[in-house]
Amino acid sequence: VQLQASGGGFVEAGGSLRLSCTASKRTSSNNGMGWFRQAPGKEREFVSAIAWRGGSELYADSVKGRFTISRDIAKNTVDLQMNSLKPEDTAVYYCAASRSPYGSSSATAYNYWGQGTQVTVSS
């Protein structure tokens, strides 16, 4: 499975972006999906995850109420709607497919990773 993330860009604080992740082939019923991010000089951190069938969403505390994850099984995509963006959201965002039907906040649960898309939020 190859994952392609898109939708990153430059936005002012308070603005919105929508990230999309497309899988090269249909993921199996064992693949929950997740988003992680990595800022310069920092470790990769969990952002959000969703079960393969949708539902069972997980969010990092830092993005709760601002970000929304969604899954389109027919299109084999997972999107991350990011609202009220802050400068601290600046990072490279990665999508990933999990070994489990449910998403996870642990990076070790994921065995497929996309190439990342840059999100830059100016103050």
Protein backbone atom coordinates (compact mmCIF):
# COMPACT_ATOMS: atom_id res chain seq x y z
CA VAL A 1 0.00 0.00 0.00
CA GLN A 2 1.35 3.40 -0.96
CA LEU A 3 -0.07 6.47 0.70
CA GLN A 4 -0.10 9.91 -0.91
CA ALA A 5 -0.75 12.94 1.27
CA SER A 6 -1.76 16.29 -0.20
CA GLY A 7 -3.35 19.58 0.75
CA GLY A 8 -0.61 21.18 2.77
CA GLY A 9 0.36 24.80 2.31
CA PHE A 10 0.84 28.18 3.90
CA VAL A 11 -1.93 29.80 5.93
CA GLU A 12 -2.26 32.59 8.46
CA ALA A 13 -3.14 31.84 12.06
CA GLY A 14 -6.87 31.23 12.42
CA GLY A 15 -7.15 29.87 8.91
CA SER A 16 -8.05 26.39 7.66
CA LEU A 17 -6.53 23.66 5.55
CA ARG A 18 -7.79 20.26 4.49
CA LEU A 19 -5.33 17.42 4.11
CA SER A 20 -6.15 14.33 2.11
CA CYS A 21 -4.49 10.93 2.03
CA THR A 22 -5.12 8.51 -0.82
CA ALA A 23 -4.09 4.86 -0.78
CA SER A 24 -2.76 3.31 -3.96
CA LYS A 25 -5.02 0.30 -3.52
CA ARG A 26 -7.87 -0.55 -1.30
CA THR A 27 -6.69 -1.02 2.25
CA SER A 28 -7.97 -4.10 3.99
CA SER A 29 -10.45 -4.22 6.83
CA ASN A 30 -7.44 -4.41 9.13
CA ASN A 31 -6.17 -0.94 8.29
CA GLY A 32 -7.17 1.87 10.57
CA MET A 33 -5.77 5.21 9.42
CA GLY A 34 -3.96 7.99 11.21
CA TRP A 35 -2.28 11.35 10.87
CA PHE A 36 0.98 12.28 12.55
CA ARG A 37 3.13 15.39 12.34
CA GLN A 38 6.73 16.36 12.87
CA ALA A 39 7.94 19.88 13.50
CA PRO A 40 11.59 20.88 12.97
CA GLY A 41 13.75 19.62 15.81
CA LYS A 42 10.91 17.67 17.38
CA GLU A 43 9.83 14.05 17.38
CA ARG A 44 6.93 12.82 15.31
CA GLU A 45 3.68 13.14 17.24
CA PHE A 46 0.19 11.74 16.93
CA VAL A 47 -2.54 14.00 15.59
CA SER A 48 -5.63 11.92 14.84
CA ALA A 49 -6.81 8.44 13.88
CA ILE A 50 -9.93 6.70 12.63
CA ALA A 51 -11.13 3.13 12.24
CA TRP A 52 -11.19 1.52 8.80
CA ARG A 53 -14.96 1.67 8.68
CA GLY A 54 -14.98 5.19 10.06
CA GLY A 55 -15.85 6.11 13.61
CA SER A 56 -13.77 5.54 16.75
CA GLU A 57 -11.93 8.79 16.07
CA LEU A 58 -8.97 9.69 18.23
CA TYR A 59 -7.46 13.14 18.62
CA ALA A 60 -4.44 14.59 20.34
CA ASP A 61 -5.45 17.02 23.07
CA SER A 62 -3.70 19.82 21.21
CA VAL A 63 -6.05 19.53 18.21
CA LYS A 64 -9.36 18.51 19.81
CA GLY A 65 -12.18 20.79 18.75
CA ARG A 66 -10.15 22.21 15.86
CA PHE A 67 -9.33 19.21 13.67
CA THR A 68 -11.74 16.64 12.23
CA ILE A 69 -10.74 13.33 10.66
CA SER A 70 -12.98 11.57 8.16
CA ARG A 71 -12.84 8.47 6.00
CA ASP A 72 -14.28 7.75 2.55
CA ILE A 73 -14.10 4.02 1.99
CA ALA A 74 -15.35 4.21 -1.60
CA LYS A 75 -12.61 6.68 -2.52
CA ASN A 76 -10.08 4.99 -0.24
CA THR A 77 -9.15 8.31 1.31
CA VAL A 78 -8.81 9.80 4.76
CA ASP A 79 -9.05 13.56 5.23
CA LEU A 80 -8.02 15.88 8.02
CA GLN A 81 -9.93 19.16 8.22
CA MET A 82 -7.87 21.63 10.20
CA ASN A 83 -9.55 24.78 11.47
CA SER A 84 -8.40 27.60 13.74
CA LEU A 85 -4.81 26.82 12.87
CA LYS A 86 -2.05 28.03 15.15
CA PRO A 87 1.66 28.64 14.48
CA GLU A 88 2.42 25.60 16.65
CA ASP A 89 0.57 23.43 14.14
CA THR A 90 3.40 24.07 11.68
CA ALA A 91 4.90 20.71 10.75
CA VAL A 92 5.17 18.05 8.10
CA TYR A 93 2.00 15.97 8.29
CA TYR A 94 2.10 12.25 7.54
CA CYS A 95 -0.73 9.82 6.96
CA ALA A 96 -0.34 6.19 7.92
CA ALA A 97 -2.17 2.85 7.72
CA SER A 98 -2.38 0.77 10.86
CA ARG A 99 -2.00 -2.98 11.37
CA SER A 100 -5.25 -2.85 13.32
CA PRO A 101 -8.83 -2.19 12.15
CA TYR A 102 -8.80 0.71 14.55
CA GLY A 103 -6.55 3.71 14.52
CA SER A 104 -4.01 4.18 17.26
CA SER A 105 -2.11 7.05 18.82
CA SER A 106 1.09 4.97 18.75
CA ALA A 107 3.30 5.25 15.68
CA THR A 108 4.44 1.67 16.17
CA ALA A 109 0.94 0.47 15.27
CA TYR A 110 1.35 1.69 11.69
CA ASN A 111 3.17 -0.20 8.97
CA TYR A 112 2.54 2.06 5.95
CA TRP A 113 3.48 5.73 5.81
CA GLY A 114 2.96 8.48 3.26
CA GLN A 115 5.66 10.95 2.21
CA GLY A 116 4.36 13.89 4.20
CA THR A 117 2.94 17.28 3.30
CA GLN A 118 4.15 20.59 4.74
CA VAL A 119 1.79 22.79 6.72
CA THR A 120 3.04 26.26 7.67
CA VAL A 121 0.98 28.59 9.85
CA SER A 122 2.13 32.18 10.19
CA SER A 123 1.45 34.29 13.26
